[in-house]
Amino acid sequence: MEIEKIAKILKLPSTEISEITVLKKGMTNRSFLFLCKNVKYIIRVPGEGTTQLIDRYQEDAAYKAISGRGICDAPIYLDPKEGYKITRYLNNVRNCDPHNVSDLRKCMAKLREFHAMKLRTDYEFDIYQQINFYESLWEGKPSAYRDYHIVKEKVWELREYIKLNIEEKVLAHIDAVPDNFLFCKDQDGNEQLQLIDWEYAGMQDPHVDIAMFCIYSMYCKKEVDQLIDIYFENCCDDRIRAKIYCYIASCGLLWSNWCEYKKSLGVEFGEYALKQYQFAKDYY
């Protein structure tokens, strides 16, 4: 990451920027830690093929919708054209442990709180439209899976059931996975919870967020049912539970297609990619 790029964004001389280190290479972006006037920041740099995958104007609209609502710290800088984002670095943080029930209860309570706000934007995240879109990015190349068209046809059969059982569409996170639930300690040592990274957010059935958490965590069915029970506080009827299974199948195919596109760019996701395709098959 060039110091000059950060300096230009912050409108500061490059001498004010120091100690740039790689923080992580995520599935969509790369992140770098840097120091400016004795304060630590993180800059997000868009990864391979990101301009095809992410609508940054939609991301910007999501951050505006959640601003000031105690869900997530606002970015210091967000460029919806190029995708660069700068946030303040938070000390004493950890991600949600998807196998820790205490963490799950706190995260699902945060997710319910967000969904209950019934926020809105002008953008919708259409799962089936995105499945086709990611497939189109293969530019005519066949899927790595020989039974892809059979699986896709079966997943398409779930659309009607989903449509009949959507109660309401609100702003959904879409990528509400354990890594995006951040536990932060304040100066008094109290733990606060943030839901970060809103680049896929859009209008959708809020129950999609539950399915997304499950498939990213690569849960078995017992763990899926446990998470559903935690979110609904043991009051989820069979109709809604079945709909979430439909979302697991549909979103599994969605991210499988996403992974196949990233693979064409030389980015491999190994077991994660295979498991997403398996979710589509098993939960259909």
Protein backbone atom coordinates (compact mmCIF):
# COMPACT_ATOMS: atom_id res chain seq x y z
CA MET A 1 0.00 0.00 0.00
CA GLU A 2 1.50 3.34 -1.03
CA ILE A 3 1.93 6.02 1.60
CA GLU A 4 1.17 8.63 -1.06
CA LYS A 5 -2.30 7.11 -1.62
CA ILE A 6 -3.21 7.36 2.06
CA ALA A 7 -1.76 10.85 2.32
CA LYS A 8 -3.81 11.98 -0.68
CA ILE A 9 -7.02 10.54 0.80
CA LEU A 10 -6.44 12.21 4.17
CA LYS A 11 -5.09 15.40 2.57
CA LEU A 12 -1.94 15.26 4.67
CA PRO A 13 1.77 15.24 3.86
CA SER A 14 3.15 11.72 3.43
CA THR A 15 5.53 12.34 6.34
CA GLU A 16 2.50 12.08 8.67
CA ILE A 17 1.87 8.45 7.59
CA SER A 18 3.98 5.65 9.01
CA GLU A 19 4.12 2.00 10.13
CA ILE A 20 2.01 0.52 7.32
CA THR A 21 1.53 -3.20 7.86
CA VAL A 22 -0.72 -5.86 6.36
CA LEU A 23 -3.61 -6.46 8.74
CA LYS A 24 -5.43 -9.19 6.84
CA LYS A 25 -6.30 -10.41 3.39
CA GLY A 26 -10.04 -10.99 3.46
CA MET A 27 -12.24 -12.81 0.98
CA THR A 28 -13.22 -9.59 -0.78
CA ASN A 29 -10.59 -7.01 0.19
CA ARG A 30 -7.16 -6.44 1.71
CA SER A 31 -6.68 -4.36 4.87
CA PHE A 32 -3.66 -2.39 6.06
CA LEU A 33 -2.90 -0.85 9.43
CA PHE A 34 -1.14 2.52 9.57
CA LEU A 35 -0.25 5.27 12.02
CA CYS A 36 -1.14 8.94 11.55
CA LYS A 37 -0.41 11.54 14.25
CA ASN A 38 -0.06 8.76 16.83
CA VAL A 39 -3.51 7.35 15.99
CA LYS A 40 -3.94 3.92 14.35
CA TYR A 41 -6.21 3.49 11.34
CA ILE A 42 -7.21 0.71 8.95
CA ILE A 43 -7.49 1.24 5.19
CA ARG A 44 -9.46 -1.21 3.10
CA VAL A 45 -8.11 -1.82 -0.39
CA PRO A 46 -10.47 -3.51 -2.88
CA GLY A 47 -9.40 -7.03 -3.86
CA GLU A 48 -9.34 -8.83 -7.20
CA GLY A 49 -12.54 -8.43 -9.21
CA THR A 50 -14.18 -6.35 -6.49
CA THR A 51 -15.46 -3.70 -8.87
CA GLN A 52 -17.58 -6.43 -10.47
CA LEU A 53 -18.81 -7.83 -7.17
CA ILE A 54 -19.59 -4.78 -5.02
CA ASP A 55 -21.74 -1.71 -5.56
CA ARG A 56 -19.90 0.83 -3.40
CA TYR A 57 -22.69 3.39 -3.73
CA GLN A 58 -25.01 0.80 -2.19
CA GLU A 59 -22.49 0.32 0.62
CA ASP A 60 -22.34 4.09 1.18
CA ALA A 61 -26.15 4.21 1.41
CA ALA A 62 -26.11 1.45 4.04
CA TYR A 63 -23.60 3.31 6.21
CA LYS A 64 -25.75 6.43 5.99
CA ALA A 65 -28.83 4.44 7.01
CA ILE A 66 -27.17 2.99 10.14
CA SER A 67 -25.30 6.18 11.09
CA GLY A 68 -25.76 7.19 14.74
CA ARG A 69 -27.77 4.09 15.67
CA GLY A 70 -25.11 2.33 17.74
CA ILE A 71 -24.61 -0.49 15.27
CA CYS A 72 -21.19 0.33 13.88
CA ASP A 73 -18.63 3.15 13.99
CA ALA A 74 -18.94 5.38 10.93
CA PRO A 75 -16.04 5.22 8.45
CA ILE A 76 -13.68 8.19 8.52
CA TYR A 77 -13.46 7.98 4.74
CA LEU A 78 -15.37 5.99 2.12
CA ASP A 79 -14.89 6.40 -1.61
CA PRO A 80 -17.87 4.80 -3.38
CA LYS A 81 -16.12 5.17 -6.73
CA GLU A 82 -12.85 3.33 -6.01
CA GLY A 83 -13.86 1.42 -2.89
CA TYR A 84 -11.21 2.66 -0.48
CA LYS A 85 -12.37 2.93 3.14
CA ILE A 86 -10.60 4.22 6.24
CA THR A 87 -11.75 3.44 9.76
CA ARG A 88 -10.26 4.07 13.17
CA TYR A 89 -8.41 1.06 14.58
CA LEU A 90 -10.07 -0.42 17.67
CA ASN A 91 -7.92 -1.87 20.43
CA ASN A 92 -8.88 -4.90 22.54
CA VAL A 93 -11.20 -6.44 19.98
CA ARG A 94 -12.17 -9.99 19.07
CA ASN A 95 -14.50 -11.62 16.57
CA CYS A 96 -17.51 -13.73 17.45
CA ASP A 97 -16.71 -17.37 18.13
CA PRO A 98 -19.41 -19.27 16.16
CA HIS A 99 -19.10 -22.22 18.55
CA ASN A 100 -19.51 -20.21 21.75
CA VAL A 101 -23.17 -20.10 22.77
CA SER A 102 -22.68 -16.99 24.90
CA ASP A 103 -21.25 -15.15 21.88
CA LEU A 104 -24.09 -16.40 19.69
CA ARG A 105 -26.74 -15.10 22.08
CA LYS A 106 -25.14 -11.65 22.12
CA CYS A 107 -24.68 -11.54 18.35
CA MET A 108 -28.21 -12.71 17.56
CA ALA A 109 -29.60 -10.15 20.03
CA LYS A 110 -27.63 -7.47 18.16
CA LEU A 111 -28.93 -8.78 14.85
CA ARG A 112 -32.54 -8.77 16.11
CA GLU A 113 -32.05 -5.22 17.38
CA PHE A 114 -30.80 -4.12 13.96
CA HIS A 115 -33.62 -5.89 12.09
CA ALA A 116 -36.23 -4.36 14.44
CA MET A 117 -35.11 -0.88 13.37
CA LYS A 118 -36.61 -1.66 9.93
CA LEU A 119 -34.17 0.61 8.13
CA ARG A 120 -34.49 1.18 4.41
CA THR A 121 -32.36 2.01 1.38
CA ASP A 122 -33.16 2.21 -2.31
CA TYR A 123 -31.12 -0.93 -3.03
CA GLU A 124 -32.26 -4.54 -2.87
CA PHE A 125 -29.99 -7.58 -2.67
CA ASP A 126 -31.77 -10.07 -4.91
CA ILE A 127 -30.26 -13.50 -4.20
CA TYR A 128 -31.39 -15.16 -7.42
CA GLN A 129 -30.42 -12.21 -9.56
CA GLN A 130 -26.97 -12.27 -7.95
CA ILE A 131 -26.61 -16.01 -8.58
CA ASN A 132 -27.11 -15.35 -12.28
CA PHE A 133 -24.86 -12.30 -12.18
CA TYR A 134 -21.94 -14.15 -10.61
CA GLU A 135 -22.45 -16.94 -13.14
CA SER A 136 -22.31 -14.37 -15.96
CA LEU A 137 -18.86 -13.31 -14.75
CA TRP A 138 -17.54 -16.74 -15.75
CA GLU A 139 -17.90 -15.45 -19.34
CA GLY A 140 -19.31 -18.66 -20.76
CA LYS A 141 -16.95 -21.06 -19.01
CA PRO A 142 -18.67 -24.10 -17.46
CA SER A 143 -18.94 -24.64 -13.73
CA ALA A 144 -16.37 -26.81 -12.02
CA TYR A 145 -19.28 -28.94 -10.80
CA ARG A 146 -20.67 -31.42 -13.31
CA ASP A 147 -24.18 -31.36 -11.82
CA TYR A 148 -24.29 -27.55 -11.54
CA HIS A 149 -27.30 -27.05 -13.82
CA ILE A 150 -29.29 -29.73 -11.98
CA VAL A 151 -28.50 -28.15 -8.61
CA LYS A 152 -29.31 -24.67 -9.89
CA GLU A 153 -32.66 -25.89 -11.24
CA LYS A 154 -33.51 -27.39 -7.85
CA VAL A 155 -32.52 -24.21 -6.01
CA TRP A 156 -34.75 -22.24 -8.37
CA GLU A 157 -37.68 -24.42 -7.28
CA LEU A 158 -37.38 -22.89 -3.79
CA ARG A 159 -38.20 -19.37 -4.96
CA GLU A 160 -41.95 -19.72 -4.71
CA TYR A 161 -41.87 -21.05 -1.15
CA ILE A 162 -39.54 -18.22 -0.13
CA LYS A 163 -41.75 -15.63 -1.81
CA LEU A 164 -44.87 -16.90 -0.04
CA ASN A 165 -43.22 -16.76 3.37
CA ILE A 166 -41.47 -13.37 3.37
CA GLU A 167 -43.18 -11.25 5.98
CA GLU A 168 -41.28 -8.02 5.37
CA LYS A 169 -38.15 -6.72 3.68
CA VAL A 170 -35.88 -4.34 5.58
CA LEU A 171 -32.24 -3.34 5.35
CA ALA A 172 -30.34 -6.59 5.86
CA HIS A 173 -26.60 -6.92 6.35
CA ILE A 174 -26.31 -9.91 3.95
CA ASP A 175 -22.77 -10.68 5.18
CA ALA A 176 -23.67 -11.06 8.87
CA VAL A 177 -21.00 -13.68 9.54
CA PRO A 178 -18.98 -14.27 12.74
CA ASP A 179 -16.00 -12.28 11.48
CA ASN A 180 -18.19 -9.20 11.12
CA PHE A 181 -19.43 -9.25 14.71
CA LEU A 182 -16.76 -7.39 16.64
CA PHE A 183 -16.53 -7.38 20.44
CA CYS A 184 -14.74 -4.23 21.64
CA LYS A 185 -13.73 -3.30 25.21
CA ASP A 186 -14.23 0.30 26.31
CA GLN A 187 -12.00 2.19 28.77
CA ASP A 188 -13.84 0.63 31.71
CA GLY A 189 -13.31 -2.88 30.38
CA ASN A 190 -16.95 -3.34 29.34
CA GLU A 191 -17.50 -5.25 26.13
CA GLN A 192 -19.48 -3.60 23.34
CA LEU A 193 -20.60 -5.27 20.13
CA GLN A 194 -20.44 -3.87 16.61
CA LEU A 195 -21.64 -5.28 13.29
CA ILE A 196 -19.10 -4.18 10.69
CA ASP A 197 -18.48 -4.39 6.90
CA TRP A 198 -21.68 -3.36 5.12
CA GLU A 199 -20.57 -3.72 1.50
CA TYR A 200 -23.21 -6.31 0.55
CA ALA A 201 -26.08 -4.74 2.54
CA GLY A 202 -29.43 -4.14 0.90
CA MET A 203 -33.18 -4.58 1.25
CA GLN A 204 -34.03 -8.22 1.89
CA ASP A 205 -35.87 -10.60 4.19
CA PRO A 206 -33.95 -10.23 7.50
CA HIS A 207 -33.93 -14.01 7.93
CA VAL A 208 -31.36 -14.19 5.13
CA ASP A 209 -28.82 -12.90 7.66
CA ILE A 210 -29.33 -16.01 9.80
CA ALA A 211 -28.68 -18.29 6.83
CA MET A 212 -25.54 -16.35 5.90
CA PHE A 213 -24.13 -16.74 9.42
CA CYS A 214 -24.73 -20.50 9.25
CA ILE A 215 -23.12 -21.19 5.90
CA TYR A 216 -20.05 -19.04 6.56
CA SER A 217 -19.59 -20.90 9.86
CA MET A 218 -19.99 -24.19 7.93
CA TYR A 219 -22.48 -25.40 10.51
CA CYS A 220 -23.95 -28.88 10.64
CA LYS A 221 -27.75 -29.08 10.80
CA LYS A 222 -27.77 -29.32 14.60
CA GLU A 223 -25.81 -26.06 14.79
CA VAL A 224 -28.09 -24.43 12.22
CA ASP A 225 -31.15 -25.28 14.30
CA GLN A 226 -29.45 -24.06 17.45
CA LEU A 227 -28.73 -20.67 15.87
CA ILE A 228 -32.31 -20.36 14.60
CA ASP A 229 -33.58 -21.13 18.11
CA ILE A 230 -31.26 -18.52 19.61
CA TYR A 231 -32.34 -15.81 17.17
CA PHE A 232 -36.06 -16.57 17.63
CA GLU A 233 -35.71 -17.27 21.36
CA ASN A 234 -37.14 -20.77 20.84
CA CYS A 235 -40.23 -19.43 19.07
CA CYS A 236 -39.55 -20.21 15.40
CA ASP A 237 -42.38 -22.04 13.67
CA ASP A 238 -41.71 -24.78 11.11
CA ARG A 239 -42.73 -22.58 8.19
CA ILE A 240 -40.04 -19.98 8.90
CA ARG A 241 -37.44 -22.62 9.77
CA ALA A 242 -38.06 -24.27 6.39
CA LYS A 243 -37.69 -20.88 4.70
CA ILE A 244 -34.29 -20.41 6.35
CA TYR A 245 -33.27 -23.84 5.05
CA CYS A 246 -34.28 -22.57 1.59
CA TYR A 247 -32.07 -19.53 2.10
CA ILE A 248 -29.16 -21.76 3.12
CA ALA A 249 -29.51 -23.68 -0.15
CA SER A 250 -29.91 -20.52 -2.24
CA CYS A 251 -27.11 -18.60 -0.54
CA GLY A 252 -24.86 -21.63 -0.72
CA LEU A 253 -25.19 -21.56 -4.50
CA LEU A 254 -24.76 -17.80 -4.49
CA TRP A 255 -21.38 -17.92 -2.74
CA SER A 256 -20.34 -21.00 -4.68
CA ASN A 257 -20.78 -18.99 -7.89
CA TRP A 258 -18.92 -16.09 -6.25
CA CYS A 259 -16.05 -18.44 -5.40
CA GLU A 260 -15.96 -19.79 -8.95
CA TYR A 261 -15.54 -16.25 -10.28
CA LYS A 262 -12.78 -15.50 -7.77
CA LYS A 263 -11.08 -18.76 -8.76
CA SER A 264 -10.95 -17.55 -12.36
CA LEU A 265 -8.92 -14.61 -11.04
CA GLY A 266 -6.50 -16.91 -9.26
CA VAL A 267 -8.05 -16.64 -5.79
CA GLU A 268 -8.84 -20.01 -4.20
CA PHE A 269 -11.06 -20.65 -1.16
CA GLY A 270 -10.61 -24.40 -0.85
CA GLU A 271 -12.94 -26.12 1.61
CA TYR A 272 -15.13 -23.02 1.99
CA ALA A 273 -15.98 -23.02 -1.72
CA LEU A 274 -16.75 -26.75 -1.78
CA LYS A 275 -18.91 -26.48 1.32
CA GLN A 276 -21.01 -23.67 -0.14
CA TYR A 277 -21.91 -25.84 -3.11
CA GLN A 278 -22.70 -28.72 -0.75
CA PHE A 279 -25.06 -26.47 1.25
CA ALA A 280 -27.01 -25.87 -1.97
CA LYS A 281 -27.37 -29.60 -2.52
CA ASP A 282 -28.04 -30.70 1.06
CA TYR A 283 -30.53 -28.01 2.05
CA TYR A 284 -32.55 -28.22 -1.15
